PDB file of N, CA and C in Angstrom:
ATOM      1  N   MET A   1      28.268  10.547 -46.080  1.00  0.00           N
ATOM      2  CA  MET A   1      29.574  11.095 -46.350  1.00  0.00           C
ATOM      3  C   MET A   1      29.852  12.209 -45.347  1.00  0.00           C
ATOM      4  N   GLU A   2      31.064  12.203 -44.803  1.00  0.00           N
ATOM      5  CA  GLU A   2      31.506  13.231 -43.866  1.00  0.00           C
ATOM      6  C   GLU A   2      32.712  13.938 -44.475  1.00  0.00           C
ATOM      7  N   ILE A   3      32.692  15.265 -44.430  1.00  0.00           N
ATOM      8  CA  ILE A   3      33.775  16.057 -44.988  1.00  0.00           C
ATOM      9  C   ILE A   3      34.377  16.895 -43.866  1.00  0.00           C
ATOM     10  N   ILE A   4      35.694  16.793 -43.710  1.00  0.00           N
ATOM     11  CA  ILE A   4      36.410  17.558 -42.686  1.00  0.00           C
ATOM     12  C   ILE A   4      37.478  18.386 -43.381  1.00  0.00           C
ATOM     13  N   VAL A   5      37.481  19.687 -43.091  1.00  0.00           N
ATOM     14  CA  VAL A   5      38.475  20.595 -43.654  1.00  0.00           C
ATOM     15  C   VAL A   5      39.376  21.081 -42.528  1.00  0.00           C
ATOM     16  N   TYR A   6      40.655  20.685 -42.592  1.00  0.00           N
ATOM     17  CA  TYR A   6      41.643  21.201 -41.652  1.00  0.00           C
ATOM     18  C   TYR A   6      42.138  22.522 -42.223  1.00  0.00           C
ATOM     19  N   SER A   7      42.116  23.564 -41.401  1.00  0.00           N
ATOM     20  CA  SER A   7      42.464  24.904 -41.868  1.00  0.00           C
ATOM     21  C   SER A   7      43.284  25.625 -40.806  1.00  0.00           C
ATOM     22  N   SER A   8      43.690  26.856 -41.141  1.00  0.00           N
ATOM     23  CA  SER A   8      44.404  27.681 -40.173  1.00  0.00           C
ATOM     24  C   SER A   8      43.998  29.138 -40.355  1.00  0.00           C
ATOM     25  N   HIS A   9      44.211  29.926 -39.294  1.00  0.00           N
ATOM     26  CA  HIS A   9      43.886  31.350 -39.322  1.00  0.00           C
ATOM     27  C   HIS A   9      44.665  32.047 -40.429  1.00  0.00           C
ATOM     28  N   GLY A  10      44.025  32.969 -41.110  1.00  0.00           N
ATOM     29  CA  GLY A  10      44.702  33.789 -42.095  1.00  0.00           C
ATOM     30  C   GLY A  10      45.057  33.080 -43.388  1.00  0.00           C
ATOM     31  N   CYS A  11      44.557  31.899 -43.592  1.00  0.00           N
ATOM     32  CA  CYS A  11      44.841  31.128 -44.813  1.00  0.00           C
ATOM     33  C   CYS A  11      43.823  31.506 -45.887  1.00  0.00           C
ATOM     34  N   GLY A  12      44.271  32.231 -46.889  1.00  0.00           N
ATOM     35  CA  GLY A  12      43.384  32.676 -47.960  1.00  0.00           C
ATOM     36  C   GLY A  12      42.773  31.526 -48.739  1.00  0.00           C
ATOM     37  N   PHE A  13      43.558  30.483 -48.997  1.00  0.00           N
ATOM     38  CA  PHE A  13      43.030  29.335 -49.726  1.00  0.00           C
ATOM     39  C   PHE A  13      42.014  28.563 -48.891  1.00  0.00           C
ATOM     40  N   CYS A  14      42.182  28.563 -47.577  1.00  0.00           N
ATOM     41  CA  CYS A  14      41.199  27.927 -46.690  1.00  0.00           C
ATOM     42  C   CYS A  14      39.853  28.659 -46.811  1.00  0.00           C
ATOM     43  N   ILE A  15      39.920  29.971 -46.812  1.00  0.00           N
ATOM     44  CA  ILE A  15      38.703  30.774 -46.933  1.00  0.00           C
ATOM     45  C   ILE A  15      38.021  30.491 -48.268  1.00  0.00           C
ATOM     46  N   LYS A  16      38.800  30.458 -49.357  1.00  0.00           N
ATOM     47  CA  LYS A  16      38.234  30.182 -50.677  1.00  0.00           C
ATOM     48  C   LYS A  16      37.589  28.803 -50.721  1.00  0.00           C
ATOM     49  N   GLN A  17      38.238  27.826 -50.109  1.00  0.00           N
ATOM     50  CA  GLN A  17      37.685  26.470 -50.133  1.00  0.00           C
ATOM     51  C   GLN A  17      36.378  26.397 -49.351  1.00  0.00           C
ATOM     52  N   LYS A  18      36.350  27.004 -48.176  1.00  0.00           N
ATOM     53  CA  LYS A  18      35.120  26.979 -47.367  1.00  0.00           C
ATOM     54  C   LYS A  18      33.995  27.696 -48.096  1.00  0.00           C
ATOM     55  N   GLU A  19      34.298  28.805 -48.771  1.00  0.00           N
ATOM     56  CA  GLU A  19      33.290  29.521 -49.558  1.00  0.00           C
ATOM     57  C   GLU A  19      32.797  28.652 -50.703  1.00  0.00           C
ATOM     58  N   PHE A  20      33.709  27.965 -51.374  1.00  0.00           N
ATOM     59  CA  PHE A  20      33.356  27.071 -52.483  1.00  0.00           C
ATOM     60  C   PHE A  20      32.409  25.970 -52.012  1.00  0.00           C
ATOM     61  N   LEU A  21      32.774  25.302 -50.926  1.00  0.00           N
ATOM     62  CA  LEU A  21      31.932  24.220 -50.409  1.00  0.00           C
ATOM     63  C   LEU A  21      30.569  24.748 -49.975  1.00  0.00           C
ATOM     64  N   SER A  22      30.549  25.874 -49.294  1.00  0.00           N
ATOM     65  CA  SER A  22      29.280  26.455 -48.841  1.00  0.00           C
ATOM     66  C   SER A  22      28.405  26.830 -50.020  1.00  0.00           C
ATOM     67  N   LYS A  23      29.005  27.420 -51.043  1.00  0.00           N
ATOM     68  CA  LYS A  23      28.253  27.834 -52.233  1.00  0.00           C
ATOM     69  C   LYS A  23      27.610  26.631 -52.926  1.00  0.00           C
ATOM     70  N   LYS A  24      28.300  25.484 -52.873  1.00  0.00           N
ATOM     71  CA  LYS A  24      27.786  24.256 -53.479  1.00  0.00           C
ATOM     72  C   LYS A  24      26.811  23.519 -52.557  1.00  0.00           C
ATOM     73  N   GLY A  25      26.588  24.053 -51.357  1.00  0.00           N
ATOM     74  CA  GLY A  25      25.666  23.421 -50.419  1.00  0.00           C
ATOM     75  C   GLY A  25      26.241  22.199 -49.722  1.00  0.00           C
ATOM     76  N   ILE A  26      27.568  22.106 -49.671  1.00  0.00           N
ATOM     77  CA  ILE A  26      28.230  20.965 -49.052  1.00  0.00           C
ATOM     78  C   ILE A  26      28.427  21.253 -47.567  1.00  0.00           C
ATOM     79  N   VAL A  27      27.938  20.356 -46.745  1.00  0.00           N
ATOM     80  CA  VAL A  27      28.104  20.476 -45.298  1.00  0.00           C
ATOM     81  C   VAL A  27      29.461  19.884 -44.933  1.00  0.00           C
ATOM     82  N   PHE A  28      30.235  20.626 -44.144  1.00  0.00           N
ATOM     83  CA  PHE A  28      31.557  20.166 -43.749  1.00  0.00           C
ATOM     84  C   PHE A  28      31.849  20.628 -42.331  1.00  0.00           C
ATOM     85  N   GLU A  29      32.812  19.955 -41.723  1.00  0.00           N
ATOM     86  CA  GLU A  29      33.288  20.348 -40.399  1.00  0.00           C
ATOM     87  C   GLU A  29      34.655  20.993 -40.577  1.00  0.00           C
ATOM     88  N   GLU A  30      34.831  22.183 -40.022  1.00  0.00           N
ATOM     89  CA  GLU A  30      36.124  22.843 -40.064  1.00  0.00           C
ATOM     90  C   GLU A  30      36.885  22.530 -38.783  1.00  0.00           C
ATOM     91  N   ARG A  31      38.162  22.191 -38.949  1.00  0.00           N
ATOM     92  CA  ARG A  31      39.027  21.937 -37.796  1.00  0.00           C
ATOM     93  C   ARG A  31      40.256  22.830 -37.923  1.00  0.00           C
ATOM     94  N   ASP A  32      40.304  23.859 -37.083  1.00  0.00           N
ATOM     95  CA  ASP A  32      41.396  24.827 -37.111  1.00  0.00           C
ATOM     96  C   ASP A  32      42.596  24.255 -36.376  1.00  0.00           C
ATOM     97  N   ILE A  33      43.671  23.999 -37.113  1.00  0.00           N
ATOM     98  CA  ILE A  33      44.844  23.352 -36.514  1.00  0.00           C
ATOM     99  C   ILE A  33      45.674  24.303 -35.664  1.00  0.00           C
ATOM    100  N   ASN A  34      45.421  25.600 -35.771  1.00  0.00           N
ATOM    101  CA  ASN A  34      46.152  26.566 -34.945  1.00  0.00           C
ATOM    102  C   ASN A  34      45.558  26.709 -33.557  1.00  0.00           C
ATOM    103  N   SER A  35      44.260  26.516 -33.444  1.00  0.00           N
ATOM    104  CA  SER A  35      43.608  26.774 -32.160  1.00  0.00           C
ATOM    105  C   SER A  35      43.272  25.507 -31.379  1.00  0.00           C
ATOM    106  N   ASN A  36      43.579  24.325 -31.949  1.00  0.00           N
ATOM    107  CA  ASN A  36      43.221  23.082 -31.281  1.00  0.00           C
ATOM    108  C   ASN A  36      44.347  22.067 -31.474  1.00  0.00           C
ATOM    109  N   ALA A  37      45.042  21.726 -30.396  1.00  0.00           N
ATOM    110  CA  ALA A  37      46.181  20.807 -30.467  1.00  0.00           C
ATOM    111  C   ALA A  37      45.767  19.424 -30.958  1.00  0.00           C
ATOM    112  N   GLN A  38      44.581  18.973 -30.586  1.00  0.00           N
ATOM    113  CA  GLN A  38      44.115  17.654 -31.032  1.00  0.00           C
ATOM    114  C   GLN A  38      43.930  17.641 -32.546  1.00  0.00           C
ATOM    115  N   TYR A  39      43.352  18.710 -33.090  1.00  0.00           N
ATOM    116  CA  TYR A  39      43.163  18.798 -34.543  1.00  0.00           C
ATOM    117  C   TYR A  39      44.513  18.831 -35.258  1.00  0.00           C
ATOM    118  N   PHE A  40      45.486  19.557 -34.683  1.00  0.00           N
ATOM    119  CA  PHE A  40      46.822  19.606 -35.277  1.00  0.00           C
ATOM    120  C   PHE A  40      47.454  18.216 -35.288  1.00  0.00           C
ATOM    121  N   GLN A  41      47.291  17.466 -34.207  1.00  0.00           N
ATOM    122  CA  GLN A  41      47.833  16.104 -34.127  1.00  0.00           C
ATOM    123  C   GLN A  41      47.163  15.199 -35.158  1.00  0.00           C
ATOM    124  N   GLU A  42      45.838  15.291 -35.287  1.00  0.00           N
ATOM    125  CA  GLU A  42      45.121  14.502 -36.302  1.00  0.00           C
ATOM    126  C   GLU A  42      45.654  14.822 -37.689  1.00  0.00           C
ATOM    127  N   PHE A  43      45.796  16.112 -37.974  1.00  0.00           N
ATOM    128  CA  PHE A  43      46.294  16.603 -39.251  1.00  0.00           C
ATOM    129  C   PHE A  43      47.650  15.972 -39.574  1.00  0.00           C
ATOM    130  N   LYS A  44      48.566  15.977 -38.604  1.00  0.00           N
ATOM    131  CA  LYS A  44      49.895  15.393 -38.800  1.00  0.00           C
ATOM    132  C   LYS A  44      49.810  13.890 -39.012  1.00  0.00           C
ATOM    133  N   GLU A  45      48.999  13.204 -38.198  1.00  0.00           N
ATOM    134  CA  GLU A  45      48.873  11.749 -38.308  1.00  0.00           C
ATOM    135  C   GLU A  45      48.286  11.318 -39.647  1.00  0.00           C
ATOM    136  N   LEU A  46      47.437  12.157 -40.218  1.00  0.00           N
ATOM    137  CA  LEU A  46      46.842  11.858 -41.520  1.00  0.00           C
ATOM    138  C   LEU A  46      47.782  12.188 -42.683  1.00  0.00           C
ATOM    139  N   GLY A  47      48.921  12.786 -42.367  1.00  0.00           N
ATOM    140  CA  GLY A  47      49.879  13.125 -43.409  1.00  0.00           C
ATOM    141  C   GLY A  47      49.685  14.506 -43.997  1.00  0.00           C
ATOM    142  N   GLY A  48      48.953  15.356 -43.281  1.00  0.00           N
ATOM    143  CA  GLY A  48      48.725  16.713 -43.748  1.00  0.00           C
ATOM    144  C   GLY A  48      50.033  17.458 -43.929  1.00  0.00           C
ATOM    145  N   ALA A  49      50.183  18.080 -45.110  1.00  0.00           N
ATOM    146  CA  ALA A  49      51.411  18.811 -45.404  1.00  0.00           C
ATOM    147  C   ALA A  49      51.135  20.285 -45.679  1.00  0.00           C
ATOM    148  N   GLY A  50      49.892  20.654 -45.680  1.00  0.00           N
ATOM    149  CA  GLY A  50      49.503  22.035 -45.934  1.00  0.00           C
ATOM    150  C   GLY A  50      48.001  22.155 -45.802  1.00  0.00           C
ATOM    151  N   VAL A  51      47.548  23.379 -45.662  1.00  0.00           N
ATOM    152  CA  VAL A  51      46.113  23.631 -45.540  1.00  0.00           C
ATOM    153  C   VAL A  51      45.641  24.468 -46.723  1.00  0.00           C
ATOM    154  N   PRO A  52      44.385  24.346 -47.092  1.00  0.00           N
ATOM    155  CA  PRO A  52      43.410  23.446 -46.505  1.00  0.00           C
ATOM    156  C   PRO A  52      43.738  21.985 -46.822  1.00  0.00           C
ATOM    157  N   PHE A  53      43.388  21.135 -45.896  1.00  0.00           N
ATOM    158  CA  PHE A  53      43.561  19.690 -46.041  1.00  0.00           C
ATOM    159  C   PHE A  53      42.195  19.082 -45.787  1.00  0.00           C
ATOM    160  N   THR A  54      41.646  18.456 -46.803  1.00  0.00           N
ATOM    161  CA  THR A  54      40.273  17.972 -46.741  1.00  0.00           C
ATOM    162  C   THR A  54      40.246  16.459 -46.803  1.00  0.00           C
ATOM    163  N   ILE A  55      39.525  15.867 -45.879  1.00  0.00           N
ATOM    164  CA  ILE A  55      39.312  14.420 -45.944  1.00  0.00           C
ATOM    165  C   ILE A  55      37.821  14.155 -46.127  1.00  0.00           C
ATOM    166  N   VAL A  56      37.559  13.100 -46.876  1.00  0.00           N
ATOM    167  CA  VAL A  56      36.186  12.664 -47.121  1.00  0.00           C
ATOM    168  C   VAL A  56      36.084  11.251 -46.577  1.00  0.00           C
ATOM    169  N   LYS A  57      35.102  11.052 -45.705  1.00  0.00           N
ATOM    170  CA  LYS A  57      34.923   9.752 -45.052  1.00  0.00           C
ATOM    171  C   LYS A  57      33.564   9.168 -45.413  1.00  0.00           C
ATOM    172  N   GLU A  58      33.557   7.864 -45.583  1.00  0.00           N
ATOM    173  CA  GLU A  58      32.327   7.072 -45.710  1.00  0.00           C
ATOM    174  C   GLU A  58      32.312   6.174 -44.486  1.00  0.00           C
ATOM    175  N   GLY A  59      31.455   6.502 -43.540  1.00  0.00           N
ATOM    176  CA  GLY A  59      31.497   5.796 -42.263  1.00  0.00           C
ATOM    177  C   GLY A  59      32.792   6.153 -41.562  1.00  0.00           C
ATOM    178  N   ASP A  60      33.562   5.142 -41.172  1.00  0.00           N
ATOM    179  CA  ASP A  60      34.840   5.379 -40.512  1.00  0.00           C
ATOM    180  C   ASP A  60      36.030   5.271 -41.461  1.00  0.00           C
ATOM    181  N   VAL A  61      35.756   5.142 -42.759  1.00  0.00           N
ATOM    182  CA  VAL A  61      36.814   4.930 -43.741  1.00  0.00           C
ATOM    183  C   VAL A  61      37.072   6.214 -44.534  1.00  0.00           C
ATOM    184  N   ILE A  62      38.338   6.627 -44.581  1.00  0.00           N
ATOM    185  CA  ILE A  62      38.705   7.784 -45.390  1.00  0.00           C
ATOM    186  C   ILE A  62      38.782   7.330 -46.844  1.00  0.00           C
ATOM    187  N   VAL A  63      37.978   7.964 -47.706  1.00  0.00           N
ATOM    188  CA  VAL A  63      37.948   7.588 -49.117  1.00  0.00           C
ATOM    189  C   VAL A  63      38.711   8.568 -49.995  1.00  0.00           C
ATOM    190  N   SER A  64      39.030   9.752 -49.457  1.00  0.00           N
ATOM    191  CA  SER A  64      39.770  10.733 -50.237  1.00  0.00           C
ATOM    192  C   SER A  64      40.438  11.750 -49.320  1.00  0.00           C
ATOM    193  N   MET A  65      41.611  12.236 -49.762  1.00  0.00           N
ATOM    194  CA  MET A  65      42.308  13.317 -49.079  1.00  0.00           C
ATOM    195  C   MET A  65      42.777  14.305 -50.142  1.00  0.00           C
ATOM    196  N   VAL A  66      42.498  15.580 -49.924  1.00  0.00           N
ATOM    197  CA  VAL A  66      42.888  16.618 -50.872  1.00  0.00           C
ATOM    198  C   VAL A  66      43.671  17.690 -50.117  1.00  0.00           C
ATOM    199  N   THR A  67      44.906  17.934 -50.553  1.00  0.00           N
ATOM    200  CA  THR A  67      45.722  18.987 -49.954  1.00  0.00           C
ATOM    201  C   THR A  67      45.657  20.215 -50.845  1.00  0.00           C
ATOM    202  N   GLY A  68      45.353  21.352 -50.250  1.00  0.00           N
ATOM    203  CA  GLY A  68      45.255  22.599 -50.994  1.00  0.00           C
ATOM    204  C   GLY A  68      43.849  22.813 -51.527  1.00  0.00           C
ATOM    205  N   PHE A  69      43.630  24.006 -52.061  1.00  0.00           N
ATOM    206  CA  PHE A  69      42.337  24.330 -52.664  1.00  0.00           C
ATOM    207  C   PHE A  69      42.410  23.980 -54.137  1.00  0.00           C
ATOM    208  N   LYS A  70      41.876  22.820 -54.463  1.00  0.00           N
ATOM    209  CA  LYS A  70      41.886  22.309 -55.831  1.00  0.00           C
ATOM    210  C   LYS A  70      40.436  22.087 -56.248  1.00  0.00           C
ATOM    211  N   GLU A  71      39.853  23.126 -56.816  1.00  0.00           N
ATOM    212  CA  GLU A  71      38.430  23.123 -57.136  1.00  0.00           C
ATOM    213  C   GLU A  71      38.031  21.939 -58.019  1.00  0.00           C
ATOM    214  N   LEU A  72      38.811  21.650 -59.057  1.00  0.00           N
ATOM    215  CA  LEU A  72      38.465  20.547 -59.954  1.00  0.00           C
ATOM    216  C   LEU A  72      38.531  19.199 -59.248  1.00  0.00           C
ATOM    217  N   GLU A  73      39.562  19.003 -58.426  1.00  0.00           N
ATOM    218  CA  GLU A  73      39.685  17.741 -57.698  1.00  0.00           C
ATOM    219  C   GLU A  73      38.559  17.582 -56.680  1.00  0.00           C
ATOM    220  N   LEU A  74      38.238  18.664 -55.975  1.00  0.00           N
ATOM    221  CA  LEU A  74      37.135  18.610 -55.010  1.00  0.00           C
ATOM    222  C   LEU A  74      35.825  18.292 -55.713  1.00  0.00           C
ATOM    223  N   THR A  75      35.608  18.918 -56.866  1.00  0.00           N
ATOM    224  CA  THR A  75      34.388  18.666 -57.628  1.00  0.00           C
ATOM    225  C   THR A  75      34.282  17.203 -57.998  1.00  0.00           C
ATOM    226  N   LYS A  76      35.391  16.626 -58.478  1.00  0.00           N
ATOM    227  CA  LYS A  76      35.413  15.218 -58.856  1.00  0.00           C
ATOM    228  C   LYS A  76      35.165  14.318 -57.653  1.00  0.00           C
ATOM    229  N   VAL A  77      35.872  14.597 -56.554  1.00  0.00           N
ATOM    230  CA  VAL A  77      35.765  13.773 -55.337  1.00  0.00           C
ATOM    231  C   VAL A  77      34.339  13.826 -54.770  1.00  0.00           C
ATOM    232  N   LEU A  78      33.738  15.001 -54.804  1.00  0.00           N
ATOM    233  CA  LEU A  78      32.424  15.168 -54.199  1.00  0.00           C
ATOM    234  C   LEU A  78      31.289  14.999 -55.199  1.00  0.00           C
ATOM    235  N   LEU A  79      31.651  14.686 -56.445  1.00  0.00           N
ATOM    236  CA  LEU A  79      30.662  14.445 -57.515  1.00  0.00           C
ATOM    237  C   LEU A  79      29.702  15.610 -57.698  1.00  0.00           C
ATOM    238  N   LEU A  80      30.263  16.798 -57.743  1.00  0.00           N
ATOM    239  CA  LEU A  80      29.448  18.006 -57.920  1.00  0.00           C
ATOM    240  C   LEU A  80      29.265  18.280 -59.413  1.00  0.00           C
ATOM    241  N   GLN A  81      28.197  18.933 -59.746  1.00  0.00           N
ATOM    242  CA  GLN A  81      27.932  19.332 -61.130  1.00  0.00           C
ATOM    243  C   GLN A  81      28.213  20.790 -61.310  1.00  0.00           C
TER     244      GLN A  81
END
């Protein structure tokens, strides 16, 4: 499973989400859409409407997309206890 979090500078909910994932021991890749044009383009192509925007991939297939910091939804998607 691969987890990618699209975020932006100064986003309080992005910080909370990254802290949540780290606290749970979840490895993720952060992609800052403000500092990288390619990441911003990916974000738009995936239908990102706000940050944090998290995608979960199994191989090359996206199995889940979560917009915003939604702790309960992330827990369900990532099967955390």
